[in-house]
Amino acid sequence: MPPTDDPRPAPPERPLPEDCCQSGCHPCVFDLYEEALERYEERLREWNARQGEASG
């Protein structure tokens, strides 16, 4: 049974198109979102692995 104190990671919230000011900011809100998405995907892979170990 999967541990109850190990909640599934939540994905980052995607910025709305109007959240970008279109002035070439570095980093852009969409760059920050992509970085957060990569971190989320890694955490999700780790979480899935833990869940598989706990149920196996």
Protein backbone atom coordinates (compact mmCIF):
# COMPACT_ATOMS: atom_id res chain seq x y z
CA MET A 1 0.00 0.00 0.00
CA PRO A 2 1.42 3.44 -0.94
CA PRO A 3 2.41 5.65 1.98
CA THR A 4 -0.22 8.21 2.91
CA ASP A 5 2.33 10.87 3.85
CA ASP A 6 3.74 11.02 0.30
CA PRO A 7 1.23 13.04 -1.73
CA ARG A 8 1.43 13.11 -5.52
CA PRO A 9 3.29 16.22 -6.74
CA ALA A 10 1.12 18.98 -8.17
CA PRO A 11 1.93 20.37 -11.61
CA PRO A 12 2.83 24.04 -11.93
CA GLU A 13 0.16 26.41 -13.16
CA ARG A 14 0.68 27.42 -16.78
CA PRO A 15 0.86 31.19 -17.26
CA LEU A 16 -1.84 32.82 -19.33
CA PRO A 17 -0.79 34.45 -22.60
CA GLU A 18 -1.48 37.86 -21.09
CA ASP A 19 0.96 37.08 -18.25
CA CYS A 20 3.81 37.70 -20.73
CA CYS A 21 4.64 41.35 -21.29
CA GLN A 22 6.17 40.67 -24.74
CA SER A 23 9.20 42.83 -23.94
CA GLY A 24 11.83 40.09 -24.05
CA CYS A 25 12.26 39.66 -20.30
CA HIS A 26 14.86 37.17 -19.22
CA PRO A 27 13.61 34.99 -17.81
CA CYS A 28 10.13 35.18 -19.27
CA VAL A 29 7.22 33.81 -17.24
CA PHE A 30 7.05 31.01 -19.83
CA ASP A 31 10.74 30.19 -19.26
CA LEU A 32 10.07 29.97 -15.53
CA TYR A 33 7.05 27.75 -16.21
CA GLU A 34 9.13 25.39 -18.37
CA GLU A 35 11.74 25.10 -15.61
CA ALA A 36 9.02 24.42 -13.03
CA LEU A 37 7.47 21.84 -15.35
CA GLU A 38 10.80 20.02 -15.69
CA ARG A 39 11.18 19.95 -11.88
CA TYR A 40 7.60 18.70 -11.54
CA GLU A 41 8.15 15.92 -14.09
CA GLU A 42 11.26 14.78 -12.24
CA ARG A 43 9.44 14.81 -8.89
CA LEU A 44 6.57 12.90 -10.49
CA ARG A 45 8.95 10.22 -11.85
CA GLU A 46 10.49 9.87 -8.38
CA TRP A 47 7.04 9.72 -6.77
CA ASN A 48 5.86 7.06 -9.24
CA ALA A 49 8.96 5.00 -8.50
CA ARG A 50 8.28 5.24 -4.75
CA GLN A 51 4.65 4.24 -5.28
CA GLY A 52 5.73 1.21 -7.31
CA GLU A 53 8.19 0.18 -4.60
CA ALA A 54 5.55 0.60 -1.89
CA SER A 55 2.98 -1.52 -3.74
CA GLY A 56 5.45 -4.17 -4.89
